[in-house]
N, C-alpha and C. Protein backbone atom coordinates (compact mmCIF):
# COMPACT_ATOMS: atom_id res chain seq x y z
N UNK A 1 14.37 -15.87 49.19
CA UNK A 1 14.29 -15.41 47.80
C UNK A 1 13.31 -16.28 47.04
N UNK A 2 12.51 -15.62 46.23
CA UNK A 2 11.57 -16.37 45.41
C UNK A 2 12.07 -16.42 43.98
N UNK A 3 11.72 -17.49 43.33
CA UNK A 3 12.10 -17.65 41.92
C UNK A 3 10.97 -17.22 40.99
N UNK A 4 9.84 -16.83 41.55
CA UNK A 4 8.69 -16.44 40.74
C UNK A 4 8.90 -15.09 40.09
N UNK A 5 7.96 -14.74 39.24
CA UNK A 5 8.08 -13.45 38.54
C UNK A 5 7.84 -12.28 39.48
N UNK A 6 8.70 -11.33 39.40
CA UNK A 6 8.54 -10.11 40.17
C UNK A 6 7.86 -9.08 39.27
N UNK A 7 7.30 -8.02 39.84
CA UNK A 7 6.67 -7.00 38.99
C UNK A 7 7.62 -6.42 37.94
N UNK A 8 8.88 -6.25 38.30
CA UNK A 8 9.84 -5.71 37.34
C UNK A 8 10.06 -6.70 36.19
N UNK A 9 10.15 -7.99 36.52
CA UNK A 9 10.33 -8.99 35.46
C UNK A 9 9.10 -9.08 34.57
N UNK A 10 7.91 -8.99 35.16
CA UNK A 10 6.69 -9.04 34.36
C UNK A 10 6.61 -7.86 33.41
N UNK A 11 6.93 -6.68 33.91
CA UNK A 11 6.88 -5.50 33.06
C UNK A 11 7.90 -5.59 31.93
N UNK A 12 9.09 -6.08 32.24
CA UNK A 12 10.14 -6.21 31.23
C UNK A 12 9.74 -7.23 30.17
N UNK A 13 9.20 -8.37 30.59
CA UNK A 13 8.84 -9.41 29.62
C UNK A 13 7.64 -8.99 28.79
N UNK A 14 6.70 -8.23 29.37
CA UNK A 14 5.54 -7.82 28.58
C UNK A 14 5.94 -6.79 27.53
N UNK A 15 6.90 -5.94 27.81
CA UNK A 15 7.37 -4.98 26.81
C UNK A 15 8.11 -5.68 25.69
N UNK A 16 8.84 -6.73 26.02
CA UNK A 16 9.62 -7.44 25.01
C UNK A 16 8.73 -8.28 24.10
N UNK A 17 7.54 -8.68 24.56
CA UNK A 17 6.66 -9.54 23.77
C UNK A 17 5.80 -8.77 22.77
N UNK A 18 5.67 -7.47 22.94
CA UNK A 18 4.82 -6.68 22.06
C UNK A 18 5.62 -6.28 20.81
N UNK A 19 5.17 -6.74 19.62
CA UNK A 19 5.89 -6.36 18.41
C UNK A 19 5.61 -4.90 18.05
N UNK A 20 6.54 -4.32 17.36
CA UNK A 20 6.38 -2.93 16.91
C UNK A 20 5.27 -2.87 15.87
N UNK A 21 4.44 -1.83 15.93
CA UNK A 21 3.34 -1.68 14.98
C UNK A 21 3.86 -1.16 13.64
N UNK A 22 4.79 -0.25 13.67
CA UNK A 22 5.34 0.32 12.45
C UNK A 22 6.83 0.48 12.64
N UNK A 23 7.60 -0.26 11.89
CA UNK A 23 9.05 -0.21 12.05
C UNK A 23 9.74 0.01 10.71
N UNK A 24 11.01 -0.26 10.70
CA UNK A 24 11.81 -0.05 9.51
C UNK A 24 11.34 -0.87 8.30
N UNK A 25 10.97 -2.15 8.45
CA UNK A 25 10.51 -2.89 7.27
C UNK A 25 9.26 -2.29 6.63
N UNK A 26 8.32 -1.84 7.47
CA UNK A 26 7.11 -1.24 6.94
C UNK A 26 7.43 0.10 6.27
N UNK A 27 8.28 0.88 6.88
CA UNK A 27 8.64 2.18 6.30
C UNK A 27 9.38 1.99 4.98
N UNK A 28 10.26 1.01 4.93
CA UNK A 28 11.01 0.75 3.69
C UNK A 28 10.06 0.37 2.57
N UNK A 29 9.08 -0.49 2.86
CA UNK A 29 8.13 -0.90 1.84
C UNK A 29 7.25 0.26 1.40
N UNK A 30 6.80 1.05 2.37
CA UNK A 30 5.92 2.18 2.05
C UNK A 30 6.63 3.21 1.18
N UNK A 31 7.93 3.34 1.33
CA UNK A 31 8.69 4.31 0.54
C UNK A 31 9.19 3.69 -0.77
N UNK A 32 9.63 2.46 -0.73
CA UNK A 32 10.28 1.87 -1.90
C UNK A 32 9.30 1.56 -3.04
N UNK A 33 8.06 1.17 -2.73
CA UNK A 33 7.13 0.84 -3.80
C UNK A 33 6.82 2.06 -4.68
N UNK A 34 6.44 3.21 -4.12
CA UNK A 34 6.20 4.36 -5.01
C UNK A 34 7.46 4.83 -5.74
N UNK A 35 8.59 4.77 -5.07
CA UNK A 35 9.84 5.18 -5.71
C UNK A 35 10.18 4.24 -6.87
N UNK A 36 10.04 2.94 -6.64
CA UNK A 36 10.31 1.98 -7.70
C UNK A 36 9.35 2.16 -8.87
N UNK A 37 8.06 2.36 -8.56
CA UNK A 37 7.07 2.58 -9.62
C UNK A 37 7.38 3.83 -10.42
N UNK A 38 7.73 4.91 -9.74
CA UNK A 38 8.08 6.15 -10.43
C UNK A 38 9.32 6.00 -11.29
N UNK A 39 10.32 5.32 -10.76
CA UNK A 39 11.56 5.12 -11.52
C UNK A 39 11.32 4.27 -12.76
N UNK A 40 10.50 3.23 -12.62
CA UNK A 40 10.21 2.40 -13.78
C UNK A 40 9.44 3.18 -14.85
N UNK A 41 8.50 4.01 -14.42
CA UNK A 41 7.72 4.80 -15.37
C UNK A 41 8.61 5.82 -16.09
N UNK A 42 9.50 6.48 -15.35
CA UNK A 42 10.42 7.44 -15.95
C UNK A 42 11.36 6.73 -16.93
N UNK A 43 11.70 5.46 -16.63
CA UNK A 43 12.57 4.70 -17.52
C UNK A 43 11.86 4.23 -18.78
N UNK A 44 10.54 4.47 -18.86
CA UNK A 44 9.82 4.12 -20.08
C UNK A 44 8.98 2.87 -20.00
N UNK A 45 8.84 2.28 -18.83
CA UNK A 45 8.01 1.09 -18.68
C UNK A 45 6.55 1.54 -18.67
N UNK A 46 5.68 0.90 -19.45
CA UNK A 46 4.26 1.29 -19.44
C UNK A 46 3.63 1.11 -18.06
N UNK A 47 2.67 1.99 -17.75
CA UNK A 47 2.03 1.95 -16.43
C UNK A 47 1.39 0.60 -16.12
N UNK A 48 0.80 -0.04 -17.12
CA UNK A 48 0.18 -1.34 -16.89
C UNK A 48 1.20 -2.34 -16.37
N UNK A 49 2.41 -2.32 -16.95
CA UNK A 49 3.46 -3.24 -16.52
C UNK A 49 3.97 -2.89 -15.13
N UNK A 50 4.05 -1.59 -14.82
CA UNK A 50 4.49 -1.16 -13.48
C UNK A 50 3.50 -1.66 -12.44
N UNK A 51 2.19 -1.45 -12.70
CA UNK A 51 1.18 -1.91 -11.75
C UNK A 51 1.18 -3.42 -11.60
N UNK A 52 1.37 -4.12 -12.70
CA UNK A 52 1.43 -5.58 -12.65
C UNK A 52 2.62 -6.05 -11.82
N UNK A 53 3.77 -5.46 -12.03
CA UNK A 53 4.97 -5.83 -11.28
C UNK A 53 4.81 -5.55 -9.78
N UNK A 54 4.34 -4.33 -9.45
CA UNK A 54 4.20 -3.99 -8.04
C UNK A 54 3.08 -4.78 -7.37
N UNK A 55 2.02 -5.06 -8.12
CA UNK A 55 0.95 -5.91 -7.58
C UNK A 55 1.43 -7.32 -7.32
N UNK A 56 2.25 -7.83 -8.21
CA UNK A 56 2.83 -9.16 -8.00
C UNK A 56 3.75 -9.20 -6.79
N UNK A 57 4.52 -8.13 -6.61
CA UNK A 57 5.39 -8.06 -5.43
C UNK A 57 4.56 -8.02 -4.15
N UNK A 58 3.47 -7.26 -4.17
CA UNK A 58 2.59 -7.20 -3.01
C UNK A 58 1.93 -8.54 -2.73
N UNK A 59 1.52 -9.25 -3.78
CA UNK A 59 0.91 -10.57 -3.61
C UNK A 59 1.91 -11.56 -3.03
N UNK A 60 3.15 -11.50 -3.50
CA UNK A 60 4.18 -12.39 -2.93
C UNK A 60 4.43 -12.08 -1.46
N UNK A 61 4.45 -10.79 -1.11
CA UNK A 61 4.61 -10.42 0.29
C UNK A 61 3.46 -10.91 1.14
N UNK A 62 2.24 -10.78 0.65
CA UNK A 62 1.07 -11.27 1.39
C UNK A 62 1.12 -12.78 1.53
N UNK A 63 1.54 -13.49 0.48
CA UNK A 63 1.66 -14.94 0.57
C UNK A 63 2.71 -15.35 1.59
N UNK A 64 3.80 -14.59 1.67
CA UNK A 64 4.84 -14.89 2.66
C UNK A 64 4.32 -14.68 4.08
N UNK A 65 3.54 -13.63 4.28
CA UNK A 65 2.95 -13.38 5.61
C UNK A 65 2.03 -14.52 6.00
N UNK A 66 1.21 -14.98 5.05
CA UNK A 66 0.29 -16.08 5.33
C UNK A 66 1.06 -17.36 5.61
N UNK A 67 2.10 -17.63 4.82
CA UNK A 67 2.87 -18.86 5.01
C UNK A 67 3.59 -18.88 6.35
N UNK A 68 4.13 -17.76 6.76
CA UNK A 68 4.89 -17.70 8.01
C UNK A 68 3.97 -17.58 9.22
N UNK A 69 2.93 -16.75 9.10
CA UNK A 69 2.08 -16.45 10.24
C UNK A 69 1.01 -17.46 10.52
N UNK A 70 0.62 -18.24 9.54
CA UNK A 70 -0.44 -19.21 9.75
C UNK A 70 -1.82 -18.60 9.66
N UNK A 71 -2.79 -19.28 10.24
CA UNK A 71 -4.19 -18.92 10.10
C UNK A 71 -4.58 -17.59 10.73
N UNK A 72 -4.03 -17.29 11.90
CA UNK A 72 -4.42 -16.06 12.60
C UNK A 72 -4.05 -14.85 11.77
N UNK A 73 -2.85 -14.84 11.23
CA UNK A 73 -2.42 -13.71 10.41
C UNK A 73 -3.15 -13.69 9.08
N UNK A 74 -3.47 -14.86 8.55
CA UNK A 74 -4.21 -14.92 7.29
C UNK A 74 -5.59 -14.28 7.47
N UNK A 75 -6.23 -14.56 8.59
CA UNK A 75 -7.55 -13.98 8.85
C UNK A 75 -7.45 -12.47 9.01
N UNK A 76 -6.44 -11.99 9.71
CA UNK A 76 -6.31 -10.54 9.89
C UNK A 76 -5.92 -9.87 8.58
N UNK A 77 -5.12 -10.52 7.76
CA UNK A 77 -4.76 -9.98 6.46
C UNK A 77 -5.99 -9.91 5.56
N UNK A 78 -6.80 -10.96 5.56
CA UNK A 78 -8.02 -10.96 4.75
C UNK A 78 -8.97 -9.86 5.21
N UNK A 79 -9.07 -9.68 6.51
CA UNK A 79 -9.92 -8.61 7.04
C UNK A 79 -9.42 -7.24 6.63
N UNK A 80 -8.12 -7.05 6.65
CA UNK A 80 -7.54 -5.77 6.24
C UNK A 80 -7.78 -5.51 4.76
N UNK A 81 -7.66 -6.53 3.94
CA UNK A 81 -7.90 -6.38 2.50
C UNK A 81 -9.36 -6.02 2.25
N UNK A 82 -10.27 -6.71 2.94
CA UNK A 82 -11.69 -6.40 2.76
C UNK A 82 -12.05 -5.00 3.22
N UNK A 83 -11.45 -4.55 4.34
CA UNK A 83 -11.70 -3.19 4.79
C UNK A 83 -11.14 -2.17 3.80
N UNK A 84 -9.98 -2.47 3.21
CA UNK A 84 -9.38 -1.55 2.23
C UNK A 84 -10.24 -1.47 0.97
N UNK A 85 -10.77 -2.60 0.55
CA UNK A 85 -11.61 -2.61 -0.65
C UNK A 85 -12.91 -1.85 -0.38
N UNK A 86 -13.45 -2.02 0.83
CA UNK A 86 -14.70 -1.35 1.17
C UNK A 86 -14.50 0.13 1.45
N UNK A 87 -13.26 0.56 1.62
CA UNK A 87 -12.97 1.96 1.88
C UNK A 87 -13.22 2.37 3.31
N UNK A 88 -13.12 1.43 4.23
CA UNK A 88 -13.35 1.74 5.65
C UNK A 88 -12.06 1.86 6.39
């Protein structure tokens, strides 16, 4: 018997190491921000304040990603922001 990795173990470990591209946290954020913005506007909050609040929440989320993920994620986040601004 060998203690080395078998093909089945390699396949199992490689599937476990790949993070989900779109999961529940992303879906919750994608749905909750527009719903929260709409609810605040219906409640009488001016649009400028709604955008400021939601922009601040997004900035805090981005800062948390950078703080937890380190440089590699910061670079990919910056690239994504630049592509979004450029419309690509």
